[in-house]
Amino acid sequence: MSVFQRFTRGVAQRLALAFLAGLLWLSSSLFTPAYAADSPAAKRYIAADGTDLTAMAQCLPKELSQGNFSRALREAQNDFLEKVFDVKDNYDDYKLDETEIAYLACVESKGVIPQVKR
């Protein structure tokens, strides 16, 4: 086997290994829960239009940031389609889950008026 063939095989192996490691890192970072710590040193979350979303991220409970099929089925019974299509005039008239009530209360306690209350 020539030196050139050994060199190209070694480079190809290193590139394949680096690609595999990058793919594993990317896939592990995609499945981390999307909730923020409620501490003053927590990261600021700013939208592209400049809106500060930090209060919403800090109030997001773990139950709402992780996928759960049984919770999704329960939520489907809590006026889900009516909420999506904004059927009722007052948002408080919908059946709300305890987690959603706690989230809205937390956001309001941080001085943010949720869109559904406007």
PDB file of N, CA and C in Angstrom:
ATOM      1  N   MET A   1       0.850  -1.163   0.000  1.00  0.00           N
ATOM      2  CA  MET A   1       0.000   0.000   0.000  1.00  0.00           C
ATOM      3  C   MET A   1       0.906   1.240   0.000  1.00  0.00           C
ATOM      4  N   SER A   2       0.604   2.147  -0.844  1.00  0.00           N
ATOM      5  CA  SER A   2       1.466   3.317  -0.962  1.00  0.00           C
ATOM      6  C   SER A   2       1.210   4.305   0.176  1.00  0.00           C
ATOM      7  N   VAL A   3       2.123   5.216   0.354  1.00  0.00           N
ATOM      8  CA  VAL A   3       2.020   6.234   1.406  1.00  0.00           C
ATOM      9  C   VAL A   3       0.808   7.126   1.159  1.00  0.00           C
ATOM     10  N   PHE A   4       0.557   7.439  -0.105  1.00  0.00           N
ATOM     11  CA  PHE A   4      -0.571   8.305  -0.440  1.00  0.00           C
ATOM     12  C   PHE A   4      -1.900   7.639  -0.071  1.00  0.00           C
ATOM     13  N   GLN A   5      -2.036   6.336  -0.335  1.00  0.00           N
ATOM     14  CA  GLN A   5      -3.265   5.626  -0.007  1.00  0.00           C
ATOM     15  C   GLN A   5      -3.476   5.571   1.505  1.00  0.00           C
ATOM     16  N   ARG A   6      -2.410   5.330   2.266  1.00  0.00           N
ATOM     17  CA  ARG A   6      -2.522   5.326   3.717  1.00  0.00           C
ATOM     18  C   ARG A   6      -2.909   6.699   4.241  1.00  0.00           C
ATOM     19  N   PHE A   7      -2.339   7.731   3.665  1.00  0.00           N
ATOM     20  CA  PHE A   7      -2.651   9.098   4.086  1.00  0.00           C
ATOM     21  C   PHE A   7      -4.112   9.437   3.817  1.00  0.00           C
ATOM     22  N   THR A   8      -4.600   9.125   2.615  1.00  0.00           N
ATOM     23  CA  THR A   8      -5.996   9.447   2.280  1.00  0.00           C
ATOM     24  C   THR A   8      -6.968   8.602   3.102  1.00  0.00           C
ATOM     25  N   ARG A   9      -6.606   7.349   3.377  1.00  0.00           N
ATOM     26  CA  ARG A   9      -7.470   6.514   4.206  1.00  0.00           C
ATOM     27  C   ARG A   9      -7.541   7.076   5.631  1.00  0.00           C
ATOM     28  N   GLY A  10      -6.399   7.531   6.162  1.00  0.00           N
ATOM     29  CA  GLY A  10      -6.388   8.119   7.505  1.00  0.00           C
ATOM     30  C   GLY A  10      -7.201   9.401   7.568  1.00  0.00           C
ATOM     31  N   VAL A  11      -7.096  10.229   6.554  1.00  0.00           N
ATOM     32  CA  VAL A  11      -7.874  11.472   6.510  1.00  0.00           C
ATOM     33  C   VAL A  11      -9.359  11.154   6.396  1.00  0.00           C
ATOM     34  N   ALA A  12      -9.721  10.205   5.558  1.00  0.00           N
ATOM     35  CA  ALA A  12     -11.130   9.829   5.384  1.00  0.00           C
ATOM     36  C   ALA A  12     -11.702   9.273   6.689  1.00  0.00           C
ATOM     37  N   GLN A  13     -10.915   8.467   7.401  1.00  0.00           N
ATOM     38  CA  GLN A  13     -11.386   7.927   8.670  1.00  0.00           C
ATOM     39  C   GLN A  13     -11.599   9.037   9.694  1.00  0.00           C
ATOM     40  N   ARG A  14     -10.675   9.991   9.747  1.00  0.00           N
ATOM     41  CA  ARG A  14     -10.819  11.101  10.697  1.00  0.00           C
ATOM     42  C   ARG A  14     -12.017  11.969  10.359  1.00  0.00           C
ATOM     43  N   LEU A  15     -12.242  12.221   9.077  1.00  0.00           N
ATOM     44  CA  LEU A  15     -13.411  13.007   8.673  1.00  0.00           C
ATOM     45  C   LEU A  15     -14.715  12.278   9.013  1.00  0.00           C
ATOM     46  N   ALA A  16     -14.750  10.985   8.772  1.00  0.00           N
ATOM     47  CA  ALA A  16     -15.950  10.211   9.097  1.00  0.00           C
ATOM     48  C   ALA A  16     -16.195  10.212  10.599  1.00  0.00           C
ATOM     49  N   LEU A  17     -15.142  10.066  11.397  1.00  0.00           N
ATOM     50  CA  LEU A  17     -15.273  10.088  12.847  1.00  0.00           C
ATOM     51  C   LEU A  17     -15.746  11.459  13.339  1.00  0.00           C
ATOM     52  N   ALA A  18     -15.186  12.533  12.776  1.00  0.00           N
ATOM     53  CA  ALA A  18     -15.603  13.886  13.163  1.00  0.00           C
ATOM     54  C   ALA A  18     -17.051  14.131  12.772  1.00  0.00           C
ATOM     55  N   PHE A  19     -17.472  13.659  11.599  1.00  0.00           N
ATOM     56  CA  PHE A  19     -18.852  13.806  11.166  1.00  0.00           C
ATOM     57  C   PHE A  19     -19.802  13.054  12.096  1.00  0.00           C
ATOM     58  N   LEU A  20     -19.440  11.839  12.475  1.00  0.00           N
ATOM     59  CA  LEU A  20     -20.264  11.052  13.383  1.00  0.00           C
ATOM     60  C   LEU A  20     -20.361  11.707  14.754  1.00  0.00           C
ATOM     61  N   ALA A  21     -19.250  12.219  15.267  1.00  0.00           N
ATOM     62  CA  ALA A  21     -19.267  12.890  16.570  1.00  0.00           C
ATOM     63  C   ALA A  21     -20.131  14.149  16.514  1.00  0.00           C
ATOM     64  N   GLY A  22     -20.039  14.904  15.432  1.00  0.00           N
ATOM     65  CA  GLY A  22     -20.866  16.098  15.274  1.00  0.00           C
ATOM     66  C   GLY A  22     -22.337  15.756  15.181  1.00  0.00           C
ATOM     67  N   LEU A  23     -22.656  14.683  14.497  1.00  0.00           N
ATOM     68  CA  LEU A  23     -24.044  14.241  14.382  1.00  0.00           C
ATOM     69  C   LEU A  23     -24.600  13.811  15.731  1.00  0.00           C
ATOM     70  N   LEU A  24     -23.804  13.099  16.522  1.00  0.00           N
ATOM     71  CA  LEU A  24     -24.236  12.710  17.858  1.00  0.00           C
ATOM     72  C   LEU A  24     -24.445  13.921  18.757  1.00  0.00           C
ATOM     73  N   TRP A  25     -23.539  14.886  18.698  1.00  0.00           N
ATOM     74  CA  TRP A  25     -23.681  16.104  19.498  1.00  0.00           C
ATOM     75  C   TRP A  25     -24.929  16.868  19.098  1.00  0.00           C
ATOM     76  N   LEU A  26     -25.190  17.000  17.806  1.00  0.00           N
ATOM     77  CA  LEU A  26     -26.357  17.721  17.332  1.00  0.00           C
ATOM     78  C   LEU A  26     -27.643  17.032  17.760  1.00  0.00           C
ATOM     79  N   SER A  27     -27.692  15.709  17.640  1.00  0.00           N
ATOM     80  CA  SER A  27     -28.912  14.993  18.021  1.00  0.00           C
ATOM     81  C   SER A  27     -29.151  15.066  19.520  1.00  0.00           C
ATOM     82  N   SER A  28     -28.115  15.081  20.332  1.00  0.00           N
ATOM     83  CA  SER A  28     -28.324  15.180  21.773  1.00  0.00           C
ATOM     84  C   SER A  28     -28.781  16.576  22.165  1.00  0.00           C
ATOM     85  N   SER A  29     -28.352  17.596  21.445  1.00  0.00           N
ATOM     86  CA  SER A  29     -28.770  18.955  21.788  1.00  0.00           C
ATOM     87  C   SER A  29     -30.183  19.244  21.311  1.00  0.00           C
ATOM     88  N   LEU A  30     -30.715  18.484  20.373  1.00  0.00           N
ATOM     89  CA  LEU A  30     -32.083  18.715  19.896  1.00  0.00           C
ATOM     90  C   LEU A  30     -33.127  18.220  20.882  1.00  0.00           C
ATOM     91  N   PHE A  31     -32.771  17.277  21.743  1.00  0.00           N
ATOM     92  CA  PHE A  31     -33.754  16.671  22.612  1.00  0.00           C
ATOM     93  C   PHE A  31     -33.663  17.131  24.061  1.00  0.00           C
ATOM     94  N   THR A  32     -32.994  18.228  24.312  1.00  0.00           N
ATOM     95  CA  THR A  32     -32.954  18.761  25.666  1.00  0.00           C
ATOM     96  C   THR A  32     -34.222  19.552  25.916  1.00  0.00           C
ATOM     97  N   PRO A  33     -34.760  19.540  27.135  1.00  0.00           N
ATOM     98  CA  PRO A  33     -35.991  20.271  27.421  1.00  0.00           C
ATOM     99  C   PRO A  33     -35.799  21.778  27.269  1.00  0.00           C
ATOM    100  N   ALA A  34     -36.889  22.449  26.916  1.00  0.00           N
ATOM    101  CA  ALA A  34     -36.827  23.888  26.660  1.00  0.00           C
ATOM    102  C   ALA A  34     -37.392  24.670  27.832  1.00  0.00           C
ATOM    103  N   TYR A  35     -36.701  24.695  28.943  1.00  0.00           N
ATOM    104  CA  TYR A  35     -37.126  25.526  30.062  1.00  0.00           C
ATOM    105  C   TYR A  35     -35.920  26.243  30.612  1.00  0.00           C
ATOM    106  N   ALA A  36     -36.173  27.368  31.221  1.00  0.00           N
ATOM    107  CA  ALA A  36     -35.087  28.190  31.737  1.00  0.00           C
ATOM    108  C   ALA A  36     -35.115  28.194  33.253  1.00  0.00           C
ATOM    109  N   ALA A  37     -33.970  28.384  33.844  1.00  0.00           N
ATOM    110  CA  ALA A  37     -33.876  28.480  35.300  1.00  0.00           C
ATOM    111  C   ALA A  37     -34.450  29.816  35.748  1.00  0.00           C
ATOM    112  N   ASP A  38     -35.088  29.809  36.903  1.00  0.00           N
ATOM    113  CA  ASP A  38     -35.678  31.030  37.429  1.00  0.00           C
ATOM    114  C   ASP A  38     -34.697  31.676  38.400  1.00  0.00           C
ATOM    115  N   SER A  39     -33.611  32.189  37.875  1.00  0.00           N
ATOM    116  CA  SER A  39     -32.605  32.832  38.708  1.00  0.00           C
ATOM    117  C   SER A  39     -32.216  34.154  38.072  1.00  0.00           C
ATOM    118  N   PRO A  40     -31.739  35.098  38.873  1.00  0.00           N
ATOM    119  CA  PRO A  40     -31.378  36.386  38.292  1.00  0.00           C
ATOM    120  C   PRO A  40     -30.205  36.304  37.325  1.00  0.00           C
ATOM    121  N   ALA A  41     -29.381  35.278  37.461  1.00  0.00           N
ATOM    122  CA  ALA A  41     -28.230  35.126  36.567  1.00  0.00           C
ATOM    123  C   ALA A  41     -28.592  34.371  35.294  1.00  0.00           C
ATOM    124  N   ALA A  42     -29.887  34.073  35.108  1.00  0.00           N
ATOM    125  CA  ALA A  42     -30.317  33.306  33.941  1.00  0.00           C
ATOM    126  C   ALA A  42     -30.132  34.122  32.668  1.00  0.00           C
ATOM    127  N   LYS A  43     -30.005  33.422  31.591  1.00  0.00           N
ATOM    128  CA  LYS A  43     -29.799  34.026  30.285  1.00  0.00           C
ATOM    129  C   LYS A  43     -31.034  34.827  29.869  1.00  0.00           C
ATOM    130  N   ARG A  44     -30.831  35.911  29.141  1.00  0.00           N
ATOM    131  CA  ARG A  44     -31.923  36.723  28.616  1.00  0.00           C
ATOM    132  C   ARG A  44     -32.370  36.127  27.290  1.00  0.00           C
ATOM    133  N   TYR A  45     -33.663  36.107  27.045  1.00  0.00           N
ATOM    134  CA  TYR A  45     -34.226  35.584  25.815  1.00  0.00           C
ATOM    135  C   TYR A  45     -34.873  36.741  25.060  1.00  0.00           C
ATOM    136  N   ILE A  46     -34.285  37.111  23.944  1.00  0.00           N
ATOM    137  CA  ILE A  46     -34.754  38.238  23.148  1.00  0.00           C
ATOM    138  C   ILE A  46     -35.185  37.713  21.780  1.00  0.00           C
ATOM    139  N   ALA A  47     -36.389  38.085  21.339  1.00  0.00           N
ATOM    140  CA  ALA A  47     -36.888  37.672  20.031  1.00  0.00           C
ATOM    141  C   ALA A  47     -36.207  38.490  18.942  1.00  0.00           C
ATOM    142  N   ALA A  48     -36.396  38.074  17.712  1.00  0.00           N
ATOM    143  CA  ALA A  48     -35.765  38.760  16.579  1.00  0.00           C
ATOM    144  C   ALA A  48     -36.243  40.197  16.448  1.00  0.00           C
ATOM    145  N   ASP A  49     -37.485  40.463  16.859  1.00  0.00           N
ATOM    146  CA  ASP A  49     -37.996  41.833  16.765  1.00  0.00           C
ATOM    147  C   ASP A  49     -37.634  42.687  17.973  1.00  0.00           C
ATOM    148  N   GLY A  50     -36.849  42.144  18.911  1.00  0.00           N
ATOM    149  CA  GLY A  50     -36.406  42.898  20.077  1.00  0.00           C
ATOM    150  C   GLY A  50     -37.261  42.705  21.318  1.00  0.00           C
ATOM    151  N   THR A  51     -38.299  41.905  21.226  1.00  0.00           N
ATOM    152  CA  THR A  51     -39.182  41.650  22.361  1.00  0.00           C
ATOM    153  C   THR A  51     -38.458  40.775  23.381  1.00  0.00           C
ATOM    154  N   ASP A  52     -38.555  41.154  24.646  1.00  0.00           N
ATOM    155  CA  ASP A  52     -37.925  40.379  25.717  1.00  0.00           C
ATOM    156  C   ASP A  52     -38.851  39.229  26.111  1.00  0.00           C
ATOM    157  N   LEU A  53     -38.405  38.009  25.899  1.00  0.00           N
ATOM    158  CA  LEU A  53     -39.194  36.813  26.193  1.00  0.00           C
ATOM    159  C   LEU A  53     -38.698  36.087  27.437  1.00  0.00           C
ATOM    160  N   THR A  54     -37.868  36.740  28.230  1.00  0.00           N
ATOM    161  CA  THR A  54     -37.254  36.093  29.380  1.00  0.00           C
ATOM    162  C   THR A  54     -38.299  35.627  30.391  1.00  0.00           C
ATOM    163  N   ALA A  55     -39.311  36.438  30.669  1.00  0.00           N
ATOM    164  CA  ALA A  55     -40.340  36.058  31.640  1.00  0.00           C
ATOM    165  C   ALA A  55     -41.082  34.813  31.181  1.00  0.00           C
ATOM    166  N   MET A  56     -41.400  34.730  29.886  1.00  0.00           N
ATOM    167  CA  MET A  56     -42.105  33.556  29.378  1.00  0.00           C
ATOM    168  C   MET A  56     -41.235  32.307  29.489  1.00  0.00           C
ATOM    169  N   ALA A  57     -39.948  32.443  29.203  1.00  0.00           N
ATOM    170  CA  ALA A  57     -39.039  31.292  29.273  1.00  0.00           C
ATOM    171  C   ALA A  57     -38.819  30.853  30.717  1.00  0.00           C
ATOM    172  N   GLN A  58     -38.721  31.810  31.645  1.00  0.00           N
ATOM    173  CA  GLN A  58     -38.504  31.458  33.044  1.00  0.00           C
ATOM    174  C   GLN A  58     -39.736  30.823  33.672  1.00  0.00           C
ATOM    175  N   CYS A  59     -40.916  31.201  33.206  1.00  0.00           N
ATOM    176  CA  CYS A  59     -42.149  30.660  33.783  1.00  0.00           C
ATOM    177  C   CYS A  59     -42.568  29.328  33.167  1.00  0.00           C
ATOM    178  N   LEU A  60     -41.955  28.942  32.075  1.00  0.00           N
ATOM    179  CA  LEU A  60     -42.354  27.723  31.383  1.00  0.00           C
ATOM    180  C   LEU A  60     -42.108  26.504  32.266  1.00  0.00           C
ATOM    181  N   PRO A  61     -43.188  25.839  32.723  1.00  0.00           N
ATOM    182  CA  PRO A  61     -42.995  24.677  33.589  1.00  0.00           C
ATOM    183  C   PRO A  61     -42.476  23.478  32.799  1.00  0.00           C
ATOM    184  N   LYS A  62     -41.818  22.575  33.501  1.00  0.00           N
ATOM    185  CA  LYS A  62     -41.250  21.396  32.847  1.00  0.00           C
ATOM    186  C   LYS A  62     -42.326  20.560  32.173  1.00  0.00           C
ATOM    187  N   GLU A  63     -43.539  20.546  32.740  1.00  0.00           N
ATOM    188  CA  GLU A  63     -44.618  19.748  32.153  1.00  0.00           C
ATOM    189  C   GLU A  63     -44.973  20.233  30.749  1.00  0.00           C
ATOM    190  N   LEU A  64     -44.866  21.544  30.510  1.00  0.00           N
ATOM    191  CA  LEU A  64     -45.215  22.083  29.203  1.00  0.00           C
ATOM    192  C   LEU A  64     -44.036  22.095  28.240  1.00  0.00           C
ATOM    193  N   SER A  65     -42.831  21.896  28.726  1.00  0.00           N
ATOM    194  CA  SER A  65     -41.673  21.954  27.844  1.00  0.00           C
ATOM    195  C   SER A  65     -41.228  20.574  27.374  1.00  0.00           C
ATOM    196  N   GLN A  66     -41.837  19.532  27.897  1.00  0.00           N
ATOM    197  CA  GLN A  66     -41.478  18.172  27.491  1.00  0.00           C
ATOM    198  C   GLN A  66     -42.690  17.501  26.859  1.00  0.00           C
ATOM    199  N   GLY A  67     -42.437  16.724  25.837  1.00  0.00           N
ATOM    200  CA  GLY A  67     -43.520  16.025  25.158  1.00  0.00           C
ATOM    201  C   GLY A  67     -44.133  14.950  26.039  1.00  0.00           C
ATOM    202  N   ASN A  68     -45.458  14.888  26.054  1.00  0.00           N
ATOM    203  CA  ASN A  68     -46.160  13.898  26.856  1.00  0.00           C
ATOM    204  C   ASN A  68     -47.480  13.610  26.149  1.00  0.00           C
ATOM    205  N   PHE A  69     -47.624  12.409  25.609  1.00  0.00           N
ATOM    206  CA  PHE A  69     -48.803  12.066  24.826  1.00  0.00           C
ATOM    207  C   PHE A  69     -50.070  12.068  25.670  1.00  0.00           C
ATOM    208  N   SER A  70     -50.012  11.541  26.896  1.00  0.00           N
ATOM    209  CA  SER A  70     -51.214  11.504  27.732  1.00  0.00           C
ATOM    210  C   SER A  70     -51.663  12.915  28.111  1.00  0.00           C
ATOM    211  N   ARG A  71     -50.708  13.815  28.368  1.00  0.00           N
ATOM    212  CA  ARG A  71     -51.071  15.202  28.675  1.00  0.00           C
ATOM    213  C   ARG A  71     -51.685  15.864  27.448  1.00  0.00           C
ATOM    214  N   ALA A  72     -51.168  15.547  26.262  1.00  0.00           N
ATOM    215  CA  ALA A  72     -51.722  16.116  25.034  1.00  0.00           C
ATOM    216  C   ALA A  72     -53.165  15.664  24.831  1.00  0.00           C
ATOM    217  N   LEU A  73     -53.447  14.405  25.146  1.00  0.00           N
ATOM    218  CA  LEU A  73     -54.828  13.930  25.043  1.00  0.00           C
ATOM    219  C   LEU A  73     -55.732  14.605  26.059  1.00  0.00           C
ATOM    220  N   ARG A  74     -55.221  14.805  27.290  1.00  0.00           N
ATOM    221  CA  ARG A  74     -56.009  15.529  28.305  1.00  0.00           C
ATOM    222  C   ARG A  74     -56.276  16.965  27.855  1.00  0.00           C
ATOM    223  N   GLU A  75     -55.265  17.612  27.306  1.00  0.00           N
ATOM    224  CA  GLU A  75     -55.409  18.996  26.854  1.00  0.00           C
ATOM    225  C   GLU A  75     -56.409  19.101  25.699  1.00  0.00           C
ATOM    226  N   ALA A  76     -56.490  18.074  24.871  1.00  0.00           N
ATOM    227  CA  ALA A  76     -57.416  18.094  23.746  1.00  0.00           C
ATOM    228  C   ALA A  76     -58.858  18.166  24.227  1.00  0.00           C
ATOM    229  N   GLN A  77     -59.103  17.723  25.457  1.00  0.00           N
ATOM    230  CA  GLN A  77     -60.450  17.790  26.016  1.00  0.00           C
ATOM    231  C   GLN A  77     -60.729  19.136  26.670  1.00  0.00           C
ATOM    232  N   ASN A  78     -59.730  19.947  26.904  1.00  0.00           N
ATOM    233  CA  ASN A  78     -59.898  21.231  27.590  1.00  0.00           C
ATOM    234  C   ASN A  78     -60.109  22.362  26.590  1.00  0.00           C
ATOM    235  N   ASP A  79     -61.155  22.275  25.797  1.00  0.00           N
ATOM    236  CA  ASP A  79     -61.517  23.325  24.841  1.00  0.00           C
ATOM    237  C   ASP A  79     -60.352  23.703  23.932  1.00  0.00           C
ATOM    238  N   PHE A  80     -59.555  22.731  23.538  1.00  0.00           N
ATOM    239  CA  PHE A  80     -58.361  23.031  22.753  1.00  0.00           C
ATOM    240  C   PHE A  80     -58.694  23.728  21.431  1.00  0.00           C
ATOM    241  N   LEU A  81     -59.613  23.161  20.653  1.00  0.00           N
ATOM    242  CA  LEU A  81     -59.949  23.769  19.367  1.00  0.00           C
ATOM    243  C   LEU A  81     -60.620  25.123  19.536  1.00  0.00           C
ATOM    244  N   GLU A  82     -61.422  25.260  20.586  1.00  0.00           N
ATOM    245  CA  GLU A  82     -62.052  26.561  20.838  1.00  0.00           C
ATOM    246  C   GLU A  82     -60.985  27.620  21.144  1.00  0.00           C
ATOM    247  N   LYS A  83     -59.938  27.227  21.906  1.00  0.00           N
ATOM    248  CA  LYS A  83     -58.847  28.167  22.200  1.00  0.00           C
ATOM    249  C   LYS A  83     -58.081  28.522  20.941  1.00  0.00           C
ATOM    250  N   VAL A  84     -57.836  27.526  20.082  1.00  0.00           N
ATOM    251  CA  VAL A  84     -57.079  27.774  18.854  1.00  0.00           C
ATOM    252  C   VAL A  84     -57.814  28.757  17.950  1.00  0.00           C
ATOM    253  N   PHE A  85     -59.128  28.579  17.812  1.00  0.00           N
ATOM    254  CA  PHE A  85     -59.906  29.433  16.922  1.00  0.00           C
ATOM    255  C   PHE A  85     -60.524  30.634  17.629  1.00  0.00           C
ATOM    256  N   ASP A  86     -60.194  30.822  18.908  1.00  0.00           N
ATOM    257  CA  ASP A  86     -60.620  31.994  19.675  1.00  0.00           C
ATOM    258  C   ASP A  86     -62.134  32.190  19.595  1.00  0.00           C
ATOM    259  N   VAL A  87     -62.877  31.142  19.992  1.00  0.00           N
ATOM    260  CA  VAL A  87     -64.328  31.141  19.884  1.00  0.00           C
ATOM    261  C   VAL A  87     -64.980  32.018  20.953  1.00  0.00           C
ATOM    262  N   LYS A  88     -64.490  31.955  22.168  1.00  0.00           N
ATOM    263  CA  LYS A  88     -65.112  32.685  23.272  1.00  0.00           C
ATOM    264  C   LYS A  88     -64.483  34.063  23.430  1.00  0.00           C
ATOM    265  N   ASP A  89     -65.285  34.998  23.931  1.00  0.00           N
ATOM    266  CA  ASP A  89     -64.812  36.372  24.097  1.00  0.00           C
ATOM    267  C   ASP A  89     -63.805  36.510  25.228  1.00  0.00           C
ATOM    268  N   ASN A  90     -64.005  35.770  26.310  1.00  0.00           N
ATOM    269  CA  ASN A  90     -63.152  35.880  27.487  1.00  0.00           C
ATOM    270  C   ASN A  90     -62.339  34.590  27.631  1.00  0.00           C
ATOM    271  N   TYR A  91     -61.020  34.710  27.765  1.00  0.00           N
ATOM    272  CA  TYR A  91     -60.164  33.523  27.868  1.00  0.00           C
ATOM    273  C   TYR A  91     -60.426  32.743  29.149  1.00  0.00           C
ATOM    274  N   ASP A  92     -60.904  33.401  30.184  1.00  0.00           N
ATOM    275  CA  ASP A  92     -61.182  32.718  31.447  1.00  0.00           C
ATOM    276  C   ASP A  92     -62.383  31.786  31.350  1.00  0.00           C
ATOM    277  N   ASP A  93     -63.182  31.881  30.278  1.00  0.00           N
ATOM    278  CA  ASP A  93     -64.337  30.997  30.099  1.00  0.00           C
ATOM    279  C   ASP A  93     -63.946  29.602  29.624  1.00  0.00           C
ATOM    280  N   TYR A  94     -62.712  29.423  29.145  1.00  0.00           N
ATOM    281  CA  TYR A  94     -62.255  28.109  28.693  1.00  0.00           C
ATOM    282  C   TYR A  94     -61.884  27.238  29.885  1.00  0.00           C
ATOM    283  N   LYS A  95     -61.951  25.903  29.674  1.00  0.00           N
ATOM    284  CA  LYS A  95     -61.438  24.980  30.684  1.00  0.00           C
ATOM    285  C   LYS A  95     -59.919  25.005  30.587  1.00  0.00           C
ATOM    286  N   LEU A  96     -59.242  25.341  31.696  1.00  0.00           N
ATOM    287  CA  LEU A  96     -57.788  25.445  31.708  1.00  0.00           C
ATOM    288  C   LEU A  96     -57.194  24.398  32.632  1.00  0.00           C
ATOM    289  N   ASP A  97     -56.057  23.856  32.228  1.00  0.00           N
ATOM    290  CA  ASP A  97     -55.306  22.911  33.042  1.00  0.00           C
ATOM    291  C   ASP A  97     -54.593  23.670  34.157  1.00  0.00           C
ATOM    292  N   GLU A  98     -54.301  22.990  35.270  1.00  0.00           N
ATOM    293  CA  GLU A  98     -53.611  23.643  36.395  1.00  0.00           C
ATOM    294  C   GLU A  98     -52.255  24.199  35.970  1.00  0.00           C
ATOM    295  N   THR A  99     -51.576  23.481  35.089  1.00  0.00           N
ATOM    296  CA  THR A  99     -50.266  23.926  34.635  1.00  0.00           C
ATOM    297  C   THR A  99     -50.383  25.220  33.839  1.00  0.00           C
ATOM    298  N   GLU A 100     -51.398  25.308  33.002  1.00  0.00           N
ATOM    299  CA  GLU A 100     -51.606  26.518  32.210  1.00  0.00           C
ATOM    300  C   GLU A 100     -51.983  27.697  33.100  1.00  0.00           C
ATOM    301  N   ILE A 101     -52.791  27.445  34.130  1.00  0.00           N
ATOM    302  CA  ILE A 101     -53.173  28.498  35.067  1.00  0.00           C
ATOM    303  C   ILE A 101     -51.935  29.001  35.815  1.00  0.00           C
ATOM    304  N   ALA A 102     -51.090  28.071  36.252  1.00  0.00           N
ATOM    305  CA  ALA A 102     -49.868  28.458  36.972  1.00  0.00           C
ATOM    306  C   ALA A 102     -48.932  29.238  36.055  1.00  0.00           C
ATOM    307  N   TYR A 103     -48.833  28.843  34.800  1.00  0.00           N
ATOM    308  CA  TYR A 103     -47.979  29.551  33.846  1.00  0.00           C
ATOM    309  C   TYR A 103     -48.466  30.978  33.629  1.00  0.00           C
ATOM    310  N   LEU A 104     -49.774  31.149  33.416  1.00  0.00           N
ATOM    311  CA  LEU A 104     -50.320  32.496  33.203  1.00  0.00           C
ATOM    312  C   LEU A 104     -50.145  33.371  34.436  1.00  0.00           C
ATOM    313  N   ALA A 105     -50.311  32.784  35.627  1.00  0.00           N
ATOM    314  CA  ALA A 105     -50.125  33.550  36.865  1.00  0.00           C
ATOM    315  C   ALA A 105     -48.661  33.966  37.023  1.00  0.00           C
ATOM    316  N   CYS A 106     -47.744  33.090  36.690  1.00  0.00           N
ATOM    317  CA  CYS A 106     -46.323  33.402  36.799  1.00  0.00           C
ATOM    318  C   CYS A 106     -45.936  34.529  35.849  1.00  0.00           C
ATOM    319  N   VAL A 107     -46.413  34.452  34.618  1.00  0.00           N
ATOM    320  CA  VAL A 107     -46.097  35.486  33.629  1.00  0.00           C
ATOM    321  C   VAL A 107     -46.659  36.835  34.083  1.00  0.00           C
ATOM    322  N   GLU A 108     -47.897  36.829  34.592  1.00  0.00           N
ATOM    323  CA  GLU A 108     -48.498  38.073  35.069  1.00  0.00           C
ATOM    324  C   GLU A 108     -47.758  38.615  36.284  1.00  0.00           C
ATOM    325  N   SER A 109     -47.230  37.730  37.141  1.00  0.00           N
ATOM    326  CA  SER A 109     -46.491  38.192  38.317  1.00  0.00           C
ATOM    327  C   SER A 109     -45.178  38.867  37.941  1.00  0.00           C
ATOM    328  N   LYS A 110     -44.668  38.555  36.757  1.00  0.00           N
ATOM    329  CA  LYS A 110     -43.433  39.182  36.285  1.00  0.00           C
ATOM    330  C   LYS A 110     -43.713  40.472  35.506  1.00  0.00           C
ATOM    331  N   GLY A 111     -44.985  40.883  35.474  1.00  0.00           N
ATOM    332  CA  GLY A 111     -45.341  42.143  34.829  1.00  0.00           C
ATOM    333  C   GLY A 111     -45.653  42.051  33.357  1.00  0.00           C
ATOM    334  N   VAL A 112     -45.840  40.849  32.845  1.00  0.00           N
ATOM    335  CA  VAL A 112     -46.144  40.666  31.416  1.00  0.00           C
ATOM    336  C   VAL A 112     -47.617  40.300  31.293  1.00  0.00           C
ATOM    337  N   ILE A 113     -48.329  40.993  30.417  1.00  0.00           N
ATOM    338  CA  ILE A 113     -49.733  40.664  30.166  1.00  0.00           C
ATOM    339  C   ILE A 113     -49.760  39.705  28.977  1.00  0.00           C
ATOM    340  N   PRO A 114     -50.229  38.470  29.217  1.00  0.00           N
ATOM    341  CA  PRO A 114     -50.261  37.498  28.121  1.00  0.00           C
ATOM    342  C   PRO A 114     -51.181  37.970  26.993  1.00  0.00           C
ATOM    343  N   GLN A 115     -50.908  37.535  25.789  1.00  0.00           N
ATOM    344  CA  GLN A 115     -51.686  37.909  24.621  1.00  0.00           C
ATOM    345  C   GLN A 115     -53.149  37.509  24.792  1.00  0.00           C
ATOM    346  N   VAL A 116     -53.407  36.396  25.462  1.00  0.00           N
ATOM    347  CA  VAL A 116     -54.790  35.931  25.615  1.00  0.00           C
ATOM    348  C   VAL A 116     -55.589  36.822  26.555  1.00  0.00           C
ATOM    349  N   LYS A 117     -54.932  37.608  27.374  1.00  0.00           N
ATOM    350  CA  LYS A 117     -55.629  38.505  28.306  1.00  0.00           C
ATOM    351  C   LYS A 117     -55.823  39.905  27.747  1.00  0.00           C
ATOM    352  N   ARG A 118     -55.236  40.197  26.592  1.00  0.00           N
ATOM    353  CA  ARG A 118     -55.348  41.541  26.004  1.00  0.00           C
ATOM    354  C   ARG A 118     -56.636  41.729  25.279  1.00  0.00           C
TER     355      ARG A 118
END
